[in-house]
Each structure stands twice: as structure tokens, then as C-alpha cells.
Amino acid sequence: MYFAWTTVMAYLRISTHPGIFRQPLSPDQAARNIDELLQRRHVRVLSEEEGFWEVYRTVSQGLTVRGNVVTDAHLAALLRQHGVTRLYTNDADFRKFRFLDVRNPFS
């Protein structure tokens, strides 16, 4: 299972946000959830490596990448840089990135 640090940070932002949840997690609760996830042997966190910008530019070439799609393109570039080609997501925007085999986990 792969995660990007941006996804981890998004979890922290959303799970602790009082404007989203009536009873959001405390920062410590959210951090403990992440600690538990990262301790699992099948979890790998992806980070940008040398040459990331070039991969991002290639992945986003020919697409209108703005707004929320910037984050999708960032994640797609991370996946490509690390050789990940299959993505399970309910977010149809990832189908724009032709190298990805996007599968809906709810289908």
C-alpha cells in the first residue's frame, strides 16, 4: 500500500478540522492513527525524488492542471516516479493520467 506525504498531511488537516466534523480528532489522535499506519510492514510512503519536476511536467502535459487537479497531478507524478501504475480510487480525475490503471474500489 502506497501513500504520499501530501495525503498524510491532508488526513491531518481534514480529520482535525472542526468545520468538517462536529467532533474532530485531536491532533494527538490523528497522529497516533498515522503512527499505527506507518508501522504496518506493507505500507510505503512515497516522496519526491530527484527529477520529480520533470516527471510532473510529463504527467501533466496536454492537460489543464489547475485548482484541485494540481494535487491529483502531484500524486500521479509521485506514482509514476515510483513505478506504480495501478490506483484504486473513487476519484475519476485520475483517469486523465493515461499511464494509470484506475480502478474503483466500490465497483
Protein backbone atom coordinates (compact mmCIF):
# COMPACT_ATOMS: atom_id res chain seq x y z
CA MET A 1 0.00 0.00 0.00
CA TYR A 2 1.39 3.37 -1.02
CA PHE A 3 0.80 6.79 0.50
CA ALA A 4 2.27 10.18 -0.24
CA TRP A 5 3.21 12.60 2.49
CA THR A 6 0.74 15.06 0.96
CA THR A 7 -2.02 12.52 1.56
CA VAL A 8 -0.90 12.03 5.16
CA MET A 9 -0.94 15.79 5.71
CA ALA A 10 -4.39 16.05 4.10
CA TYR A 11 -5.63 13.42 6.57
CA LEU A 12 -4.29 15.50 9.45
CA ARG A 13 -5.92 18.64 8.07
CA ILE A 14 -9.31 17.07 7.45
CA SER A 15 -9.60 14.74 10.45
CA THR A 16 -8.84 17.55 12.93
CA HIS A 17 -10.92 20.25 11.24
CA PRO A 18 -13.85 21.49 13.38
CA GLY A 19 -15.53 22.95 10.29
CA ILE A 20 -15.75 19.49 8.73
CA PHE A 21 -16.52 17.29 11.75
CA ARG A 22 -18.73 18.06 14.70
CA GLN A 23 -16.24 16.15 16.86
CA PRO A 24 -12.92 16.20 15.00
CA LEU A 25 -9.98 14.13 16.14
CA SER A 26 -7.46 15.81 18.36
CA PRO A 27 -4.05 16.33 16.74
CA ASP A 28 -2.66 13.59 19.01
CA GLN A 29 -5.40 11.13 17.99
CA ALA A 30 -4.82 11.80 14.31
CA ALA A 31 -1.04 11.48 14.73
CA ARG A 32 -1.48 8.15 16.54
CA ASN A 33 -3.58 6.87 13.62
CA ILE A 34 -0.79 7.80 11.23
CA ASP A 35 1.84 6.22 13.51
CA GLU A 36 -0.14 2.96 13.51
CA LEU A 37 -0.50 3.02 9.74
CA LEU A 38 3.20 3.67 9.17
CA GLN A 39 4.16 0.75 11.42
CA ARG A 40 2.46 -1.74 9.10
CA ARG A 41 5.02 -3.63 7.04
CA HIS A 42 3.07 -3.37 3.78
CA VAL A 43 2.82 0.45 3.89
CA ARG A 44 5.27 2.58 1.95
CA VAL A 45 5.29 6.38 1.92
CA LEU A 46 6.30 7.96 -1.36
CA SER A 47 8.29 11.16 -1.53
CA GLU A 48 9.54 13.27 -4.38
CA GLU A 49 12.95 12.23 -5.64
CA GLU A 50 15.49 13.85 -7.93
CA GLY A 51 13.85 14.64 -11.25
CA PHE A 52 10.33 14.95 -9.82
CA TRP A 53 9.61 18.22 -11.61
CA GLU A 54 10.35 16.67 -14.99
CA VAL A 55 8.05 13.73 -14.20
CA TYR A 56 5.32 16.14 -13.07
CA ARG A 57 5.65 18.12 -16.30
CA THR A 58 5.44 14.92 -18.36
CA VAL A 59 2.42 13.57 -16.47
CA SER A 60 0.54 16.86 -16.72
CA GLN A 61 1.48 17.57 -20.36
CA GLY A 62 -1.57 18.18 -22.52
CA LEU A 63 -3.89 18.52 -19.51
CA THR A 64 -5.36 21.63 -17.96
CA VAL A 65 -3.87 21.31 -14.49
CA ARG A 66 -5.24 23.89 -12.10
CA GLY A 67 -7.16 24.04 -8.85
CA ASN A 68 -7.83 20.63 -7.31
CA VAL A 69 -6.29 18.81 -10.28
CA VAL A 70 -2.85 20.14 -9.22
CA THR A 71 -2.94 17.79 -6.23
CA ASP A 72 -4.06 14.90 -8.44
CA ALA A 73 -1.22 15.59 -10.88
CA HIS A 74 1.23 15.77 -7.98
CA LEU A 75 0.08 12.37 -6.71
CA ALA A 76 0.09 10.91 -10.24
CA ALA A 77 3.66 12.12 -10.76
CA LEU A 78 4.72 10.54 -7.46
CA LEU A 79 3.16 7.25 -8.51
CA ARG A 80 4.88 7.37 -11.89
CA GLN A 81 8.24 8.27 -10.37
CA HIS A 82 7.99 5.20 -8.12
CA GLY A 83 6.74 2.83 -10.82
CA VAL A 84 3.19 2.49 -9.50
CA THR A 85 0.74 2.02 -12.37
CA ARG A 86 -2.44 0.76 -10.67
CA LEU A 87 -4.52 3.06 -8.47
CA TYR A 88 -7.65 2.16 -6.54
CA THR A 89 -9.71 5.32 -6.13
CA ASN A 90 -13.22 6.64 -6.47
CA ASP A 91 -11.81 9.88 -7.93
CA ALA A 92 -12.44 9.80 -11.68
CA ASP A 93 -9.99 12.69 -12.28
CA PHE A 94 -7.12 10.19 -12.10
CA ARG A 95 -8.34 8.64 -15.37
CA LYS A 96 -6.81 11.69 -17.08
CA PHE A 97 -3.36 10.24 -16.44
CA ARG A 98 -3.06 7.62 -19.17
CA PHE A 99 -0.26 5.60 -17.56
CA LEU A 100 -2.53 4.76 -14.59
CA ASP A 101 -4.80 1.73 -14.46
CA VAL A 102 -7.53 3.33 -12.32
CA ARG A 103 -9.93 1.01 -10.56
CA ASN A 104 -12.89 1.97 -8.44
CA PRO A 105 -12.73 0.01 -5.16
CA PHE A 106 -16.52 0.34 -4.78
CA SER A 107 -17.35 -1.32 -8.12
